[in-house]
């Protein structure tokens, strides 16, 4: 059982052959869940987009934070070395 995360079927589960047809699998496919209403699909897809946007922003913030830490450590080292001289 797998879950579809496409825009047309977000969160809808289906059964399929574990091996793809290209690799010698049987090509079996059947929806496990009933089709969702258009409103449910729009809501789920909108929520998925918001989560994705949040995760991207969080990752950017982490990168900026790490850059600030590295720059701070370099400056602190430079100040320490210049005081010893």
PDB file of N, CA and C in Angstrom:
ATOM      1  N   UNK A   1       0.842  -1.172   0.000  1.00  0.00           N
ATOM      2  CA  UNK A   1       0.000   0.000   0.000  1.00  0.00           C
ATOM      3  C   UNK A   1       0.889   1.238   0.000  1.00  0.00           C
ATOM      4  N   UNK A   2       0.547   2.176  -0.842  1.00  0.00           N
ATOM      5  CA  UNK A   2       1.274   3.439  -0.935  1.00  0.00           C
ATOM      6  C   UNK A   2       0.274   4.584  -0.866  1.00  0.00           C
ATOM      7  N   UNK A   3       0.786   5.789  -0.726  1.00  0.00           N
ATOM      8  CA  UNK A   3      -0.058   6.977  -0.672  1.00  0.00           C
ATOM      9  C   UNK A   3       0.321   7.908  -1.809  1.00  0.00           C
ATOM     10  N   UNK A   4      -0.677   8.375  -2.516  1.00  0.00           N
ATOM     11  CA  UNK A   4      -0.466   9.325  -3.604  1.00  0.00           C
ATOM     12  C   UNK A   4      -0.350  10.722  -3.024  1.00  0.00           C
ATOM     13  N   UNK A   5       0.613  11.483  -3.514  1.00  0.00           N
ATOM     14  CA  UNK A   5       0.751  12.879  -3.098  1.00  0.00           C
ATOM     15  C   UNK A   5       0.671  13.797  -4.303  1.00  0.00           C
ATOM     16  N   UNK A   6      -0.036  13.368  -5.350  1.00  0.00           N
ATOM     17  CA  UNK A   6      -0.241  14.215  -6.515  1.00  0.00           C
ATOM     18  C   UNK A   6      -1.340  15.224  -6.222  1.00  0.00           C
ATOM     19  N   UNK A   7      -1.411  16.266  -7.011  1.00  0.00           N
ATOM     20  CA  UNK A   7      -2.434  17.288  -6.802  1.00  0.00           C
ATOM     21  C   UNK A   7      -3.833  16.726  -7.015  1.00  0.00           C
ATOM     22  N   UNK A   8      -3.979  15.788  -7.931  1.00  0.00           N
ATOM     23  CA  UNK A   8      -5.308  15.237  -8.211  1.00  0.00           C
ATOM     24  C   UNK A   8      -5.759  14.194  -7.194  1.00  0.00           C
ATOM     25  N   UNK A   9      -4.830  13.593  -6.443  1.00  0.00           N
ATOM     26  CA  UNK A   9      -5.184  12.571  -5.449  1.00  0.00           C
ATOM     27  C   UNK A   9      -4.332  12.673  -4.191  1.00  0.00           C
ATOM     28  N   UNK A  10      -4.280  13.823  -3.539  1.00  0.00           N
ATOM     29  CA  UNK A  10      -3.406  13.964  -2.368  1.00  0.00           C
ATOM     30  C   UNK A  10      -3.909  13.129  -1.195  1.00  0.00           C
ATOM     31  N   UNK A  11      -3.026  12.314  -0.633  1.00  0.00           N
ATOM     32  CA  UNK A  11      -3.369  11.526   0.538  1.00  0.00           C
ATOM     33  C   UNK A  11      -4.194  10.277   0.247  1.00  0.00           C
ATOM     34  N   UNK A  12      -4.463  10.015  -1.005  1.00  0.00           N
ATOM     35  CA  UNK A  12      -5.283   8.850  -1.359  1.00  0.00           C
ATOM     36  C   UNK A  12      -4.385   7.617  -1.441  1.00  0.00           C
ATOM     37  N   UNK A  13      -4.817   6.552  -0.755  1.00  0.00           N
ATOM     38  CA  UNK A  13      -4.004   5.340  -0.707  1.00  0.00           C
ATOM     39  C   UNK A  13      -4.365   4.394  -1.855  1.00  0.00           C
ATOM     40  N   UNK A  14      -3.368   3.615  -2.267  1.00  0.00           N
ATOM     41  CA  UNK A  14      -3.591   2.645  -3.334  1.00  0.00           C
ATOM     42  C   UNK A  14      -2.713   1.419  -3.129  1.00  0.00           C
ATOM     43  N   UNK A  15      -3.108   0.340  -3.761  1.00  0.00           N
ATOM     44  CA  UNK A  15      -2.355  -0.905  -3.734  1.00  0.00           C
ATOM     45  C   UNK A  15      -1.691  -1.062  -5.093  1.00  0.00           C
ATOM     46  N   UNK A  16      -0.450  -1.528  -5.086  1.00  0.00           N
ATOM     47  CA  UNK A  16       0.242  -1.731  -6.356  1.00  0.00           C
ATOM     48  C   UNK A  16       1.303  -2.799  -6.172  1.00  0.00           C
ATOM     49  N   UNK A  17       1.769  -3.315  -7.296  1.00  0.00           N
ATOM     50  CA  UNK A  17       2.848  -4.293  -7.284  1.00  0.00           C
ATOM     51  C   UNK A  17       4.109  -3.610  -6.754  1.00  0.00           C
ATOM     52  N   UNK A  18       4.814  -4.296  -5.872  1.00  0.00           N
ATOM     53  CA  UNK A  18       6.023  -3.725  -5.268  1.00  0.00           C
ATOM     54  C   UNK A  18       7.101  -3.455  -6.318  1.00  0.00           C
ATOM     55  N   UNK A  19       7.160  -4.298  -7.343  1.00  0.00           N
ATOM     56  CA  UNK A  19       8.142  -4.143  -8.413  1.00  0.00           C
ATOM     57  C   UNK A  19       7.473  -3.464  -9.602  1.00  0.00           C
ATOM     58  N   UNK A  20       8.121  -2.458 -10.145  1.00  0.00           N
ATOM     59  CA  UNK A  20       7.532  -1.752 -11.283  1.00  0.00           C
ATOM     60  C   UNK A  20       7.440  -2.678 -12.493  1.00  0.00           C
ATOM     61  N   UNK A  21       6.529  -2.330 -13.378  1.00  0.00           N
ATOM     62  CA  UNK A  21       6.335  -3.147 -14.574  1.00  0.00           C
ATOM     63  C   UNK A  21       7.601  -3.170 -15.423  1.00  0.00           C
ATOM     64  N   UNK A  22       8.347  -2.060 -15.448  1.00  0.00           N
ATOM     65  CA  UNK A  22       9.582  -1.978 -16.219  1.00  0.00           C
ATOM     66  C   UNK A  22      10.644  -2.951 -15.690  1.00  0.00           C
ATOM     67  N   UNK A  23      10.546  -3.302 -14.400  1.00  0.00           N
ATOM     68  CA  UNK A  23      11.521  -4.219 -13.794  1.00  0.00           C
ATOM     69  C   UNK A  23      10.974  -5.645 -13.669  1.00  0.00           C
ATOM     70  N   UNK A  24       9.929  -5.917 -14.401  1.00  0.00           N
ATOM     71  CA  UNK A  24       9.393  -7.284 -14.410  1.00  0.00           C
ATOM     72  C   UNK A  24       8.213  -7.502 -13.486  1.00  0.00           C
ATOM     73  N   UNK A  25       7.686  -6.437 -12.891  1.00  0.00           N
ATOM     74  CA  UNK A  25       6.524  -6.574 -12.017  1.00  0.00           C
ATOM     75  C   UNK A  25       5.259  -6.802 -12.827  1.00  0.00           C
ATOM     76  N   UNK A  26       4.183  -7.105 -12.134  1.00  0.00           N
ATOM     77  CA  UNK A  26       2.930  -7.436 -12.818  1.00  0.00           C
ATOM     78  C   UNK A  26       2.124  -6.204 -13.231  1.00  0.00           C
ATOM     79  N   UNK A  27       2.432  -5.034 -12.680  1.00  0.00           N
ATOM     80  CA  UNK A  27       1.717  -3.814 -13.048  1.00  0.00           C
ATOM     81  C   UNK A  27       0.387  -3.650 -12.333  1.00  0.00           C
ATOM     82  N   UNK A  28       0.169  -4.416 -11.259  1.00  0.00           N
ATOM     83  CA  UNK A  28      -1.101  -4.331 -10.520  1.00  0.00           C
ATOM     84  C   UNK A  28      -1.269  -2.953  -9.896  1.00  0.00           C
ATOM     85  N   UNK A  29      -2.488  -2.413  -9.976  1.00  0.00           N
ATOM     86  CA  UNK A  29      -2.818  -1.122  -9.373  1.00  0.00           C
ATOM     87  C   UNK A  29      -4.307  -1.095  -9.054  1.00  0.00           C
ATOM     88  N   UNK A  30      -4.630  -0.667  -7.829  1.00  0.00           N
ATOM     89  CA  UNK A  30      -6.025  -0.497  -7.451  1.00  0.00           C
ATOM     90  C   UNK A  30      -6.101   0.527  -6.321  1.00  0.00           C
ATOM     91  N   UNK A  31      -7.052   1.464  -6.460  1.00  0.00           N
ATOM     92  CA  UNK A  31      -7.256   2.441  -5.393  1.00  0.00           C
ATOM     93  C   UNK A  31      -7.807   1.724  -4.172  1.00  0.00           C
ATOM     94  N   UNK A  32      -7.289   2.062  -2.992  1.00  0.00           N
ATOM     95  CA  UNK A  32      -7.769   1.497  -1.740  1.00  0.00           C
ATOM     96  C   UNK A  32      -8.857   2.399  -1.157  1.00  0.00           C
ATOM     97  N   UNK A  33      -8.650   3.697  -1.236  1.00  0.00           N
ATOM     98  CA  UNK A  33      -9.613   4.673  -0.726  1.00  0.00           C
ATOM     99  C   UNK A  33     -10.559   5.108  -1.842  1.00  0.00           C
ATOM    100  N   UNK A  34     -11.742   5.524  -1.428  1.00  0.00           N
ATOM    101  CA  UNK A  34     -12.676   6.100  -2.391  1.00  0.00           C
ATOM    102  C   UNK A  34     -12.156   7.469  -2.828  1.00  0.00           C
ATOM    103  N   UNK A  35     -12.610   7.917  -3.979  1.00  0.00           N
ATOM    104  CA  UNK A  35     -12.204   9.225  -4.480  1.00  0.00           C
ATOM    105  C   UNK A  35     -12.719  10.317  -3.549  1.00  0.00           C
ATOM    106  N   UNK A  36     -11.886  11.332  -3.333  1.00  0.00           N
ATOM    107  CA  UNK A  36     -12.266  12.445  -2.455  1.00  0.00           C
ATOM    108  C   UNK A  36     -13.021  13.500  -3.257  1.00  0.00           C
ATOM    109  N   UNK A  37     -13.764  14.304  -2.520  1.00  0.00           N
ATOM    110  CA  UNK A  37     -14.476  15.407  -3.169  1.00  0.00           C
ATOM    111  C   UNK A  37     -13.467  16.458  -3.617  1.00  0.00           C
ATOM    112  N   UNK A  38     -13.872  17.295  -4.544  1.00  0.00           N
ATOM    113  CA  UNK A  38     -12.992  18.350  -5.044  1.00  0.00           C
ATOM    114  C   UNK A  38     -12.567  19.283  -3.903  1.00  0.00           C
ATOM    115  N   UNK A  39     -13.487  19.577  -2.992  1.00  0.00           N
ATOM    116  CA  UNK A  39     -13.172  20.455  -1.850  1.00  0.00           C
ATOM    117  C   UNK A  39     -12.104  19.819  -0.964  1.00  0.00           C
ATOM    118  N   UNK A  40     -12.229  18.536  -0.682  1.00  0.00           N
ATOM    119  CA  UNK A  40     -11.236  17.849   0.156  1.00  0.00           C
ATOM    120  C   UNK A  40      -9.871  17.858  -0.515  1.00  0.00           C
ATOM    121  N   UNK A  41      -9.832  17.621  -1.826  1.00  0.00           N
ATOM    122  CA  UNK A  41      -8.557  17.646  -2.545  1.00  0.00           C
ATOM    123  C   UNK A  41      -7.916  19.027  -2.488  1.00  0.00           C
ATOM    124  N   UNK A  42      -8.722  20.084  -2.661  1.00  0.00           N
ATOM    125  CA  UNK A  42      -8.185  21.450  -2.606  1.00  0.00           C
ATOM    126  C   UNK A  42      -7.635  21.767  -1.219  1.00  0.00           C
ATOM    127  N   UNK A  43      -8.367  21.364  -0.178  1.00  0.00           N
ATOM    128  CA  UNK A  43      -7.922  21.650   1.193  1.00  0.00           C
ATOM    129  C   UNK A  43      -6.623  20.908   1.492  1.00  0.00           C
ATOM    130  N   UNK A  44      -6.579  19.624   1.176  1.00  0.00           N
ATOM    131  CA  UNK A  44      -5.372  18.839   1.450  1.00  0.00           C
ATOM    132  C   UNK A  44      -4.192  19.382   0.668  1.00  0.00           C
ATOM    133  N   UNK A  45      -4.387  19.681  -0.616  1.00  0.00           N
ATOM    134  CA  UNK A  45      -3.291  20.201  -1.437  1.00  0.00           C
ATOM    135  C   UNK A  45      -2.809  21.545  -0.907  1.00  0.00           C
ATOM    136  N   UNK A  46      -3.733  22.401  -0.479  1.00  0.00           N
ATOM    137  CA  UNK A  46      -3.352  23.689   0.090  1.00  0.00           C
ATOM    138  C   UNK A  46      -2.541  23.529   1.368  1.00  0.00           C
ATOM    139  N   UNK A  47      -2.947  22.592   2.217  1.00  0.00           N
ATOM    140  CA  UNK A  47      -2.201  22.334   3.452  1.00  0.00           C
ATOM    141  C   UNK A  47      -0.815  21.778   3.146  1.00  0.00           C
ATOM    142  N   UNK A  48      -0.724  20.894   2.180  1.00  0.00           N
ATOM    143  CA  UNK A  48       0.579  20.342   1.801  1.00  0.00           C
ATOM    144  C   UNK A  48       1.509  21.445   1.300  1.00  0.00           C
ATOM    145  N   UNK A  49       0.982  22.377   0.518  1.00  0.00           N
ATOM    146  CA  UNK A  49       1.797  23.490   0.023  1.00  0.00           C
ATOM    147  C   UNK A  49       2.273  24.365   1.178  1.00  0.00           C
ATOM    148  N   UNK A  50       1.395  24.593   2.164  1.00  0.00           N
ATOM    149  CA  UNK A  50       1.786  25.422   3.307  1.00  0.00           C
ATOM    150  C   UNK A  50       2.881  24.752   4.123  1.00  0.00           C
ATOM    151  N   UNK A  51       2.771  23.441   4.318  1.00  0.00           N
ATOM    152  CA  UNK A  51       3.795  22.708   5.062  1.00  0.00           C
ATOM    153  C   UNK A  51       5.120  22.771   4.311  1.00  0.00           C
ATOM    154  N   UNK A  52       5.086  22.569   3.005  1.00  0.00           N
ATOM    155  CA  UNK A  52       6.297  22.620   2.183  1.00  0.00           C
ATOM    156  C   UNK A  52       6.948  24.002   2.278  1.00  0.00           C
ATOM    157  N   UNK A  53       6.139  25.064   2.192  1.00  0.00           N
ATOM    158  CA  UNK A  53       6.654  26.429   2.292  1.00  0.00           C
ATOM    159  C   UNK A  53       7.297  26.654   3.663  1.00  0.00           C
ATOM    160  N   UNK A  54       6.642  26.189   4.725  1.00  0.00           N
ATOM    161  CA  UNK A  54       7.181  26.323   6.080  1.00  0.00           C
ATOM    162  C   UNK A  54       8.522  25.597   6.202  1.00  0.00           C
ATOM    163  N   UNK A  55       8.593  24.368   5.678  1.00  0.00           N
ATOM    164  CA  UNK A  55       9.832  23.603   5.769  1.00  0.00           C
ATOM    165  C   UNK A  55      10.967  24.267   5.009  1.00  0.00           C
ATOM    166  N   UNK A  56      10.688  24.822   3.837  1.00  0.00           N
ATOM    167  CA  UNK A  56      11.723  25.526   3.076  1.00  0.00           C
ATOM    168  C   UNK A  56      12.224  26.747   3.840  1.00  0.00           C
ATOM    169  N   UNK A  57      11.302  27.506   4.422  1.00  0.00           N
ATOM    170  CA  UNK A  57      11.679  28.692   5.191  1.00  0.00           C
ATOM    171  C   UNK A  57      12.494  28.306   6.426  1.00  0.00           C
ATOM    172  N   UNK A  58      12.108  27.238   7.094  1.00  0.00           N
ATOM    173  CA  UNK A  58      12.842  26.766   8.267  1.00  0.00           C
ATOM    174  C   UNK A  58      14.265  26.365   7.882  1.00  0.00           C
ATOM    175  N   UNK A  59      14.412  25.673   6.764  1.00  0.00           N
ATOM    176  CA  UNK A  59      15.744  25.270   6.314  1.00  0.00           C
ATOM    177  C   UNK A  59      16.600  26.479   5.955  1.00  0.00           C
ATOM    178  N   UNK A  60      16.005  27.484   5.318  1.00  0.00           N
ATOM    179  CA  UNK A  60      16.748  28.712   5.000  1.00  0.00           C
ATOM    180  C   UNK A  60      17.206  29.400   6.283  1.00  0.00           C
ATOM    181  N   UNK A  61      16.325  29.466   7.267  1.00  0.00           N
ATOM    182  CA  UNK A  61      16.659  30.110   8.542  1.00  0.00           C
ATOM    183  C   UNK A  61      17.807  29.382   9.232  1.00  0.00           C
ATOM    184  N   UNK A  62      17.775  28.062   9.182  1.00  0.00           N
ATOM    185  CA  UNK A  62      18.863  27.284   9.793  1.00  0.00           C
ATOM    186  C   UNK A  62      20.193  27.581   9.110  1.00  0.00           C
ATOM    187  N   UNK A  63      20.179  27.692   7.786  1.00  0.00           N
ATOM    188  CA  UNK A  63      21.409  27.987   7.055  1.00  0.00           C
ATOM    189  C   UNK A  63      21.940  29.359   7.432  1.00  0.00           C
ATOM    190  N   UNK A  64      21.058  30.359   7.519  1.00  0.00           N
ATOM    191  CA  UNK A  64      21.472  31.712   7.902  1.00  0.00           C
ATOM    192  C   UNK A  64      22.034  31.693   9.322  1.00  0.00           C
ATOM    193  N   UNK A  65      21.387  30.980  10.224  1.00  0.00           N
ATOM    194  CA  UNK A  65      21.837  30.887  11.612  1.00  0.00           C
ATOM    195  C   UNK A  65      23.235  30.262  11.678  1.00  0.00           C
ATOM    196  N   UNK A  66      23.462  29.208  10.909  1.00  0.00           N
ATOM    197  CA  UNK A  66      24.772  28.561  10.898  1.00  0.00           C
ATOM    198  C   UNK A  66      25.846  29.497  10.335  1.00  0.00           C
ATOM    199  N   UNK A  67      25.507  30.250   9.307  1.00  0.00           N
ATOM    200  CA  UNK A  67      26.457  31.213   8.749  1.00  0.00           C
ATOM    201  C   UNK A  67      26.807  32.264   9.798  1.00  0.00           C
ATOM    202  N   UNK A  68      25.821  32.740  10.531  1.00  0.00           N
ATOM    203  CA  UNK A  68      26.073  33.732  11.587  1.00  0.00           C
ATOM    204  C   UNK A  68      26.987  33.158  12.672  1.00  0.00           C
ATOM    205  N   UNK A  69      26.778  31.922  13.038  1.00  0.00           N
ATOM    206  CA  UNK A  69      27.617  31.284  14.061  1.00  0.00           C
ATOM    207  C   UNK A  69      29.064  31.177  13.566  1.00  0.00           C
ATOM    208  N   UNK A  70      29.233  30.739  12.331  1.00  0.00           N
ATOM    209  CA  UNK A  70      30.585  30.590  11.777  1.00  0.00           C
ATOM    210  C   UNK A  70      31.275  31.947  11.692  1.00  0.00           C
ATOM    211  N   UNK A  71      30.581  32.958  11.204  1.00  0.00           N
ATOM    212  CA  UNK A  71      31.164  34.304  11.120  1.00  0.00           C
ATOM    213  C   UNK A  71      31.513  34.807  12.519  1.00  0.00           C
ATOM    214  N   UNK A  72      30.637  34.566  13.490  1.00  0.00           N
ATOM    215  CA  UNK A  72      30.920  34.980  14.869  1.00  0.00           C
ATOM    216  C   UNK A  72      32.155  34.292  15.426  1.00  0.00           C
ATOM    217  N   UNK A  73      32.309  33.010  15.132  1.00  0.00           N
ATOM    218  CA  UNK A  73      33.486  32.275  15.614  1.00  0.00           C
ATOM    219  C   UNK A  73      34.760  32.793  14.948  1.00  0.00           C
ATOM    220  N   UNK A  74      34.677  33.098  13.661  1.00  0.00           N
ATOM    221  CA  UNK A  74      35.849  33.645  12.957  1.00  0.00           C
ATOM    222  C   UNK A  74      36.233  35.001  13.540  1.00  0.00           C
ATOM    223  N   UNK A  75      35.238  35.858  13.782  1.00  0.00           N
ATOM    224  CA  UNK A  75      35.522  37.175  14.369  1.00  0.00           C
ATOM    225  C   UNK A  75      36.100  37.042  15.772  1.00  0.00           C
ATOM    226  N   UNK A  76      35.543  36.151  16.570  1.00  0.00           N
ATOM    227  CA  UNK A  76      36.046  35.960  17.929  1.00  0.00           C
ATOM    228  C   UNK A  76      37.486  35.463  17.900  1.00  0.00           C
ATOM    229  N   UNK A  77      37.787  34.547  16.990  1.00  0.00           N
ATOM    230  CA  UNK A  77      39.155  34.043  16.856  1.00  0.00           C
ATOM    231  C   UNK A  77      40.094  35.153  16.411  1.00  0.00           C
ATOM    232  N   UNK A  78      39.666  35.947  15.455  1.00  0.00           N
ATOM    233  CA  UNK A  78      40.485  37.047  14.957  1.00  0.00           C
ATOM    234  C   UNK A  78      40.767  38.051  16.077  1.00  0.00           C
ATOM    235  N   UNK A  79      39.743  38.398  16.857  1.00  0.00           N
ATOM    236  CA  UNK A  79      39.934  39.345  17.965  1.00  0.00           C
ATOM    237  C   UNK A  79      40.875  38.765  19.004  1.00  0.00           C
ATOM    238  N   UNK A  80      40.745  37.497  19.318  1.00  0.00           N
ATOM    239  CA  UNK A  80      41.611  36.848  20.288  1.00  0.00           C
ATOM    240  C   UNK A  80      43.061  36.836  19.819  1.00  0.00           C
ATOM    241  N   UNK A  81      43.266  36.517  18.546  1.00  0.00           N
ATOM    242  CA  UNK A  81      44.631  36.460  17.996  1.00  0.00           C
ATOM    243  C   UNK A  81      45.250  37.854  17.954  1.00  0.00           C
ATOM    244  N   UNK A  82      44.474  38.879  17.597  1.00  0.00           N
ATOM    245  CA  UNK A  82      45.029  40.240  17.521  1.00  0.00           C
ATOM    246  C   UNK A  82      45.374  40.779  18.909  1.00  0.00           C
ATOM    247  N   UNK A  83      44.670  40.347  19.940  1.00  0.00           N
ATOM    248  CA  UNK A  83      44.995  40.799  21.312  1.00  0.00           C
ATOM    249  C   UNK A  83      46.268  40.134  21.810  1.00  0.00           C
ATOM    250  N   UNK A  84      46.565  38.925  21.340  1.00  0.00           N
ATOM    251  CA  UNK A  84      47.794  38.241  21.748  1.00  0.00           C
ATOM    252  C   UNK A  84      49.028  38.883  21.106  1.00  0.00           C
ATOM    253  N   UNK A  85      48.829  39.489  19.957  1.00  0.00           N
ATOM    254  CA  UNK A  85      49.977  40.057  19.228  1.00  0.00           C
ATOM    255  C   UNK A  85      50.475  41.325  19.827  1.00  0.00           C
TER     256      UNK A  85
END
